[in-house]
Amino acid sequence: MTQEFSRSTLAPSQSFWRGSAVFATGAAFLGGALLFTSAPAGRSVLQRGERVMNSAARYMPYAAGMVTNLPRASKASVAAPRLAVSASSAGAALPTAAAPPPARRHASVWDRPMAEVWAGRNAWTPAVEADYSRFVTAIGEGLATRRCHRLDDCLLNASVNPLHAPGDVRLGLHPDCADLAYTLRAYFAFKRDLPFGWVRAMGGDGGDPRYLMYGTPVAWSQWTRFATPREVFDEIPNHVHSGMFRLSVKVEEGDTYAARIDRAAVRPGTNFYDTNGHVLVVVAVHDDGDVEFIDGHPDGSLTHKHMTRTYIAGTARWGGGFRNWRPLRVESGVVTRARNAEIADHDPRTQYNSAGYVVHGVRVRYDEWVRDRLASR
């Protein structure tokens, strides 16, 4: 029988409380102080580190007493003051005309207005998903052959990144596990002019947003809410975390879904969620069924791994195992996610049924069963 467990069984040293809680993973720092919002009894709200560049930045609560979002002001919005020149009493002459402003350098595509460079004109289709798999494969090969070690380096290396273009700049990316999955998806969406959105906050029972029981998305964001593409990539690491993958197979409002275990469904770009709180990205599935992953770490480094006995599926309730991205589309200006019934390779049962881990009539471990299912016939 597949074991179901909560975070409290995994980290006894950390105390947790049960109660419905809503978290926004992206706290604002204002004047150097961590800002906590008020919440009704039995609920808590935590916002994780986001520096506010402009103390007069706009803010709007998602709901009273729940989440307060303080987006950073864009660099372009902070204008340098213009200095006035006056004549002195000694009779100095005023300049006859203001000096012309310096010629403006052509802005990087990452800093140009969103509507100009990322309008989301294209659609997520099976053919586009196949292109995404090829992109992720190329990044994985760059890491495996040690041509790059960090995501920024991989993306700026034209021999590694098939989407690299002249004028691409270093974005200062330091993704950990969940950030890596979302950043790769967002980068591809930008390069291919596709719609992109993400869950911004989770609600559920528990004291840590990464390990909620009965986790449910309660707030979302999308690329069109930001002035430039760079702002999207600055924002993602402030808000996403592994808890966004900790979803029951019945939840359809999240960014991913439980995948069928076969070669068509498990492919480069598929995510693997370990219910201990870790996310990896599939970069290769070999003919013998071996699965390769890349993994992001808090220091910004990336590592290359193979599936072993340490990888477990979790349960249908906690949503572990292999998960694919839900296709996105825009309806009335809002990003919407495909429902389970629309997704051909959605499978809410098979990978969580430990009684079915059988190969040639013999009960085997989860990783052995996956390898057999993914092997070429």
Protein backbone atom coordinates (compact mmCIF):
# COMPACT_ATOMS: atom_id res chain seq x y z
CA MET A 1 0.00 0.00 0.00
CA THR A 2 1.33 3.42 -0.88
CA GLN A 3 2.17 5.38 2.25
CA GLU A 4 0.61 8.82 2.67
CA PHE A 5 2.40 11.26 4.88
CA SER A 6 2.47 14.91 5.81
CA ARG A 7 5.44 17.19 6.32
CA SER A 8 5.24 16.74 10.07
CA THR A 9 6.41 13.14 9.70
CA LEU A 10 9.37 14.28 7.63
CA ALA A 11 10.71 17.07 9.82
CA PRO A 12 9.85 16.34 13.47
CA SER A 13 12.06 19.20 14.63
CA GLN A 14 9.75 21.73 13.02
CA SER A 15 6.42 22.39 14.64
CA PHE A 16 3.39 22.69 12.47
CA TRP A 17 -0.21 23.57 13.19
CA ARG A 18 -3.36 22.48 11.51
CA GLY A 19 -5.69 25.15 10.29
CA SER A 20 -6.70 26.63 7.01
CA ALA A 21 -3.85 28.90 5.89
CA VAL A 22 -3.23 30.98 2.85
CA PHE A 23 0.28 31.89 1.80
CA ALA A 24 1.65 34.29 -0.75
CA THR A 25 5.23 33.36 -1.42
CA GLY A 26 6.70 36.73 -2.01
CA ALA A 27 6.89 39.01 1.06
CA ALA A 28 7.69 42.64 0.57
CA PHE A 29 10.50 44.30 2.45
CA LEU A 30 9.68 47.90 3.23
CA GLY A 31 12.30 49.99 5.01
CA GLY A 32 14.19 46.77 5.73
CA ALA A 33 11.35 45.21 7.72
CA LEU A 34 9.57 42.01 6.80
CA LEU A 35 5.88 42.75 6.24
CA PHE A 36 3.23 40.40 7.56
CA THR A 37 -0.42 40.98 6.76
CA SER A 38 -3.20 40.48 9.25
CA ALA A 39 -5.39 37.41 9.01
CA PRO A 40 -8.53 36.06 10.60
CA ALA A 41 -8.27 33.66 13.52
CA GLY A 42 -7.02 30.26 12.48
CA ARG A 43 -5.32 31.63 9.34
CA SER A 44 -1.86 32.98 8.72
CA VAL A 45 -0.35 34.73 5.79
CA LEU A 46 3.32 34.77 4.95
CA GLN A 47 4.94 36.71 2.20
CA ARG A 48 8.53 35.89 1.24
CA GLY A 49 11.38 38.24 0.29
CA GLU A 50 10.67 40.86 -2.33
CA ARG A 51 12.52 44.19 -2.13
CA VAL A 52 10.48 47.25 -2.92
CA MET A 53 12.48 49.58 -5.19
CA ASN A 54 9.99 52.45 -4.87
CA SER A 55 8.39 53.15 -1.50
CA ALA A 56 5.42 54.59 -3.35
CA ALA A 57 4.92 51.37 -5.32
CA ARG A 58 1.36 50.49 -6.12
CA TYR A 59 -0.24 47.69 -4.14
CA MET A 60 -3.54 45.89 -4.22
CA PRO A 61 -4.72 43.14 -1.84
CA TYR A 62 -5.95 39.90 -3.30
CA ALA A 63 -8.56 39.82 -0.58
CA ALA A 64 -9.03 41.70 2.66
CA GLY A 65 -6.73 40.30 5.34
CA MET A 66 -5.30 37.67 2.99
CA VAL A 67 -2.52 38.75 0.67
CA THR A 68 -0.93 42.09 -0.07
CA ASN A 69 1.11 42.32 -3.27
CA LEU A 70 3.73 45.03 -3.49
CA PRO A 71 5.29 44.75 -6.97
CA ARG A 72 8.62 46.34 -7.57
CA ALA A 73 8.67 49.51 -9.59
CA SER A 74 10.44 49.05 -12.89
CA LYS A 75 13.76 50.79 -13.38
CA ALA A 76 12.22 52.74 -16.23
CA SER A 77 9.59 54.18 -13.90
CA VAL A 78 12.16 55.87 -11.61
CA ALA A 79 13.12 58.96 -13.58
CA ALA A 80 16.26 60.95 -12.78
CA PRO A 81 15.47 64.46 -11.54
CA ARG A 82 16.12 67.37 -13.93
CA LEU A 83 18.32 70.06 -12.37
CA ALA A 84 17.49 73.74 -12.93
CA VAL A 85 20.29 76.26 -13.61
CA SER A 86 19.94 79.79 -12.23
CA ALA A 87 22.02 82.93 -12.68
CA SER A 88 24.01 84.17 -9.72
CA SER A 89 23.81 87.73 -8.37
CA ALA A 90 27.24 88.36 -9.93
CA GLY A 91 25.55 88.40 -13.33
CA ALA A 92 26.27 84.92 -14.71
CA ALA A 93 24.30 84.41 -17.90
CA LEU A 94 21.60 81.79 -18.19
CA PRO A 95 22.17 79.18 -20.90
CA THR A 96 20.29 80.03 -24.05
CA ALA A 97 19.03 76.44 -24.53
CA ALA A 98 19.02 73.17 -22.61
CA ALA A 99 21.61 70.65 -23.74
CA PRO A 100 20.03 67.92 -25.86
CA PRO A 101 19.51 64.61 -24.03
CA PRO A 102 22.06 61.92 -24.77
CA ALA A 103 21.13 59.52 -27.55
CA ARG A 104 19.15 56.64 -26.10
CA ARG A 105 20.68 53.26 -26.58
CA HIS A 106 18.49 50.61 -28.13
CA ALA A 107 16.90 48.77 -25.21
CA SER A 108 17.47 45.05 -24.88
CA VAL A 109 14.49 42.97 -25.93
CA TRP A 110 14.22 41.94 -22.28
CA ASP A 111 13.61 45.56 -21.26
CA ARG A 112 11.25 46.67 -24.00
CA PRO A 113 7.50 47.08 -23.43
CA MET A 114 5.72 43.76 -23.04
CA ALA A 115 3.18 44.46 -25.79
CA GLU A 116 6.01 44.94 -28.31
CA VAL A 117 8.02 41.81 -27.60
CA TRP A 118 5.77 39.29 -25.82
CA ALA A 119 2.18 39.66 -26.90
CA GLY A 120 1.32 35.95 -26.61
CA ARG A 121 0.17 35.67 -30.21
CA ASN A 122 0.91 31.96 -30.54
CA ALA A 123 -0.80 28.94 -28.97
CA TRP A 124 0.41 25.97 -26.96
CA THR A 125 -0.07 22.97 -29.26
CA PRO A 126 1.36 19.42 -29.34
CA ALA A 127 3.92 20.59 -31.92
CA VAL A 128 4.98 23.47 -29.65
CA GLU A 129 5.24 21.07 -26.70
CA ALA A 130 7.58 18.92 -28.81
CA ASP A 131 9.72 22.02 -29.41
CA TYR A 132 9.76 22.68 -25.67
CA SER A 133 11.04 19.14 -25.13
CA ARG A 134 13.87 19.75 -27.62
CA PHE A 135 14.80 22.97 -25.86
CA VAL A 136 14.95 21.28 -22.44
CA THR A 137 16.93 18.38 -23.91
CA ALA A 138 19.53 20.82 -25.23
CA ILE A 139 19.92 22.49 -21.83
CA GLY A 140 20.31 19.06 -20.21
CA GLU A 141 22.98 18.05 -22.71
CA GLY A 142 24.87 21.26 -22.03
CA LEU A 143 24.97 20.42 -18.33
CA ALA A 144 25.81 16.75 -18.89
CA THR A 145 28.77 17.67 -21.12
CA ARG A 146 29.87 20.46 -18.73
CA ARG A 147 29.57 23.19 -21.31
CA CYS A 148 27.62 25.16 -18.70
CA HIS A 149 26.91 24.86 -14.98
CA ARG A 150 24.36 27.57 -14.26
CA LEU A 151 21.18 28.48 -16.07
CA ASP A 152 22.35 31.96 -17.12
CA ASP A 153 25.47 30.41 -18.65
CA CYS A 154 23.45 27.75 -20.46
CA LEU A 155 21.02 30.28 -21.91
CA LEU A 156 23.80 32.59 -23.11
CA ASN A 157 25.75 29.77 -24.75
CA ALA A 158 24.63 29.56 -28.38
CA SER A 159 26.09 26.05 -28.67
CA VAL A 160 23.79 24.90 -25.85
CA ASN A 161 20.63 27.00 -26.18
CA PRO A 162 18.78 26.57 -29.50
CA LEU A 163 16.70 29.68 -28.69
CA HIS A 164 19.69 31.96 -28.16
CA ALA A 165 19.59 35.16 -30.21
CA PRO A 166 21.96 38.11 -30.71
CA GLY A 167 21.30 40.72 -28.07
CA ASP A 168 20.37 38.23 -25.34
CA VAL A 169 21.67 39.39 -21.98
CA ARG A 170 22.48 37.86 -18.62
CA LEU A 171 19.32 37.84 -16.53
CA GLY A 172 20.88 37.12 -13.14
CA LEU A 173 19.03 33.81 -12.78
CA HIS A 174 19.75 31.69 -9.69
CA PRO A 175 16.86 29.19 -9.72
CA ASP A 176 16.36 26.52 -7.10
CA CYS A 177 14.32 23.41 -7.85
CA ALA A 178 10.83 24.84 -8.43
CA ASP A 179 12.19 28.10 -9.85
CA LEU A 180 14.10 26.11 -12.47
CA ALA A 181 10.98 24.37 -13.76
CA TYR A 182 9.00 27.61 -13.99
CA THR A 183 11.89 29.65 -15.42
CA LEU A 184 12.54 27.19 -18.25
CA ARG A 185 8.84 27.24 -19.13
CA ALA A 186 8.66 31.05 -19.00
CA TYR A 187 11.82 31.47 -21.08
CA PHE A 188 10.47 29.22 -23.81
CA ALA A 189 7.10 31.01 -23.71
CA PHE A 190 8.84 34.37 -24.17
CA LYS A 191 11.01 33.16 -27.02
CA ARG A 192 8.04 31.63 -28.82
CA ASP A 193 5.56 34.43 -27.99
CA LEU A 194 3.26 32.13 -26.04
CA PRO A 195 0.92 32.94 -23.13
CA PHE A 196 2.36 32.28 -19.71
CA GLY A 197 0.90 32.29 -16.21
CA TRP A 198 1.61 30.78 -12.84
CA VAL A 199 0.06 30.10 -9.46
CA ARG A 200 1.10 32.88 -7.12
CA ALA A 201 -0.28 31.69 -3.78
CA MET A 202 -1.52 28.47 -2.18
CA GLY A 203 -4.09 27.86 0.53
CA GLY A 204 -4.50 24.77 2.68
CA ASP A 205 -3.87 23.25 6.09
CA GLY A 206 -0.45 23.54 7.68
CA GLY A 207 2.31 25.89 8.72
CA ASP A 208 4.63 25.77 5.72
CA PRO A 209 3.38 26.67 2.24
CA ARG A 210 5.61 24.00 0.69
CA TYR A 211 3.93 21.18 2.65
CA LEU A 212 0.28 22.11 2.93
CA MET A 213 -2.38 19.47 3.35
CA TYR A 214 -5.23 19.85 0.89
CA GLY A 215 -3.28 22.54 -0.96
CA THR A 216 -5.30 24.62 -3.41
CA PRO A 217 -4.26 27.58 -5.59
CA VAL A 218 -5.85 30.81 -4.39
CA ALA A 219 -4.05 33.46 -6.47
CA TRP A 220 -2.55 33.53 -9.95
CA SER A 221 -0.41 35.83 -12.05
CA GLN A 222 0.38 36.17 -15.75
CA TRP A 223 3.00 37.74 -17.97
CA THR A 224 0.86 40.66 -19.17
CA ARG A 225 0.77 42.18 -15.67
CA PHE A 226 4.41 43.20 -15.98
CA ALA A 227 5.96 46.04 -17.96
CA THR A 228 8.85 44.09 -19.49
CA PRO A 229 9.94 40.46 -19.89
CA ARG A 230 12.78 40.98 -17.43
CA GLU A 231 10.29 41.83 -14.69
CA VAL A 232 8.62 38.44 -15.15
CA PHE A 233 11.91 36.65 -14.56
CA ASP A 234 12.65 38.83 -11.54
CA GLU A 235 9.21 38.01 -10.14
CA ILE A 236 9.08 34.22 -10.56
CA PRO A 237 11.66 33.28 -7.90
CA ASN A 238 9.92 35.55 -5.38
CA HIS A 239 6.64 33.66 -5.61
CA VAL A 240 6.90 30.06 -6.83
CA HIS A 241 7.99 27.14 -4.66
CA SER A 242 7.69 23.37 -4.60
CA GLY A 243 4.28 23.57 -2.90
CA MET A 244 2.80 24.61 -6.25
CA PHE A 245 3.33 20.99 -7.35
CA ARG A 246 1.81 19.49 -4.18
CA LEU A 247 -1.69 19.08 -5.56
CA SER A 248 -4.31 16.41 -5.43
CA VAL A 249 -5.03 14.85 -8.80
CA LYS A 250 -8.52 16.35 -8.50
CA VAL A 251 -7.26 19.94 -8.41
CA GLU A 252 -7.51 21.52 -11.86
CA GLU A 253 -6.56 25.11 -11.04
CA GLY A 254 -2.85 24.40 -10.69
CA ASP A 255 -0.13 24.68 -13.31
CA THR A 256 0.56 20.94 -13.67
CA TYR A 257 -1.28 17.61 -13.78
CA ALA A 258 -0.45 13.97 -13.05
CA ALA A 259 0.95 12.39 -16.21
CA ARG A 260 0.41 8.96 -17.69
CA ILE A 261 3.56 6.84 -17.42
CA ASP A 262 4.61 6.06 -20.97
CA ARG A 263 7.10 7.45 -23.47
CA ALA A 264 4.59 9.80 -25.05
CA ALA A 265 3.66 11.49 -21.79
CA VAL A 266 6.93 11.41 -19.82
CA ARG A 267 9.32 13.43 -21.95
CA PRO A 268 11.92 16.19 -21.64
CA GLY A 269 10.20 19.09 -19.91
CA THR A 270 8.04 16.85 -17.69
CA ASN A 271 8.49 17.64 -13.99
CA PHE A 272 9.03 15.19 -11.16
CA TYR A 273 7.73 16.21 -7.74
CA ASP A 274 9.11 14.49 -4.65
CA THR A 275 6.65 15.03 -1.77
CA ASN A 276 9.63 15.68 0.52
CA GLY A 277 9.54 19.07 -1.18
CA HIS A 278 11.73 18.86 -4.26
CA VAL A 279 11.18 19.34 -8.00
CA LEU A 280 13.30 18.05 -10.87
CA VAL A 281 12.97 18.51 -14.63
CA VAL A 282 13.21 15.56 -17.05
CA VAL A 283 15.81 16.18 -19.76
CA ALA A 284 16.05 12.72 -21.36
CA VAL A 285 14.27 9.37 -21.50
CA HIS A 286 16.53 6.64 -22.89
CA ASP A 287 15.59 3.51 -24.81
CA ASP A 288 16.16 1.36 -21.73
CA GLY A 289 13.75 3.53 -19.73
CA ASP A 290 16.42 5.40 -17.79
CA VAL A 291 15.28 8.94 -16.94
CA GLU A 292 17.69 11.87 -16.65
CA PHE A 293 16.89 15.04 -14.72
CA ILE A 294 18.34 18.46 -14.01
CA ASP A 295 18.02 19.96 -10.59
CA GLY A 296 18.36 23.54 -9.30
CA HIS A 297 19.88 24.48 -5.94
CA PRO A 298 19.64 27.56 -3.69
CA ASP A 299 23.17 28.69 -4.65
CA GLY A 300 22.12 28.83 -8.31
CA SER A 301 24.05 25.75 -9.39
CA LEU A 302 22.48 23.01 -11.52
CA THR A 303 23.16 19.30 -11.33
CA HIS A 304 22.45 16.38 -13.62
CA LYS A 305 20.89 13.20 -12.19
CA HIS A 306 19.45 9.79 -13.09
CA MET A 307 16.34 8.19 -11.59
CA THR A 308 17.15 5.83 -8.72
CA ARG A 309 15.35 3.98 -5.92
CA THR A 310 15.18 7.22 -3.91
CA TYR A 311 12.49 8.58 -6.24
CA ILE A 312 8.96 7.79 -5.05
CA ALA A 313 5.57 8.66 -6.47
CA GLY A 314 3.93 9.96 -3.32
CA THR A 315 0.16 9.68 -3.41
CA ALA A 316 -2.75 10.89 -5.50
CA ARG A 317 -3.71 13.16 -2.61
CA TRP A 318 -0.32 14.90 -2.41
CA GLY A 319 0.36 14.86 -6.15
CA GLY A 320 3.90 13.47 -6.31
CA GLY A 321 5.55 11.78 -9.26
CA PHE A 322 5.63 12.86 -12.89
CA ARG A 323 3.64 15.99 -13.71
CA ASN A 324 3.22 17.83 -17.02
CA TRP A 325 2.37 21.47 -17.62
CA ARG A 326 -1.26 22.28 -18.28
CA PRO A 327 -1.78 23.88 -21.71
CA LEU A 328 -2.60 27.57 -21.34
CA ARG A 329 -4.82 29.83 -23.38
CA VAL A 330 -6.07 33.40 -23.04
CA GLU A 331 -9.77 34.09 -22.67
CA SER A 332 -10.93 37.69 -22.35
CA GLY A 333 -7.41 38.73 -21.47
CA VAL A 334 -7.01 36.15 -18.69
CA VAL A 335 -4.81 33.05 -18.79
CA THR A 336 -6.86 29.89 -18.30
CA ARG A 337 -5.68 26.31 -17.84
CA ALA A 338 -6.85 23.20 -19.64
CA ARG A 339 -9.10 20.97 -17.51
CA ASN A 340 -8.34 17.34 -16.86
CA ALA A 341 -10.97 16.12 -19.32
CA GLU A 342 -9.22 18.07 -22.10
CA ILE A 343 -5.82 16.45 -21.51
CA ALA A 344 -5.20 13.13 -23.25
CA ASP A 345 -2.26 12.00 -21.10
CA HIS A 346 -3.74 12.96 -17.74
CA ASP A 347 -3.76 9.86 -15.50
CA PRO A 348 -4.86 10.29 -11.87
CA ARG A 349 -4.41 6.68 -10.80
CA THR A 350 -1.75 4.47 -12.41
CA GLN A 351 1.50 5.85 -10.99
CA TYR A 352 0.00 6.00 -7.48
CA ASN A 353 -1.23 2.38 -7.44
CA SER A 354 1.65 0.53 -5.79
CA ALA A 355 -0.15 -2.81 -6.28
CA GLY A 356 0.41 -2.31 -9.99
CA TYR A 357 4.20 -2.08 -9.76
CA VAL A 358 4.68 -5.47 -11.41
CA VAL A 359 7.18 -6.44 -14.11
CA HIS A 360 6.99 -9.93 -15.65
CA GLY A 361 4.81 -11.08 -12.78
CA VAL A 362 7.18 -9.81 -10.06
CA ARG A 363 6.49 -6.94 -7.66
CA VAL A 364 9.11 -4.22 -8.09
CA ARG A 365 9.98 -0.78 -6.78
CA TYR A 366 8.45 2.37 -8.25
CA ASP A 367 11.64 3.35 -10.11
CA GLU A 368 11.95 -0.15 -11.60
CA TRP A 369 8.34 -0.08 -12.72
CA VAL A 370 8.80 3.36 -14.32
CA ARG A 371 11.90 2.18 -16.15
CA ASP A 372 10.01 -0.79 -17.56
CA ARG A 373 7.07 1.39 -18.62
CA LEU A 374 9.35 3.87 -20.39
CA ALA A 375 11.61 1.38 -22.13
CA SER A 376 11.33 1.16 -25.91
CA ARG A 377 9.52 -1.98 -27.05
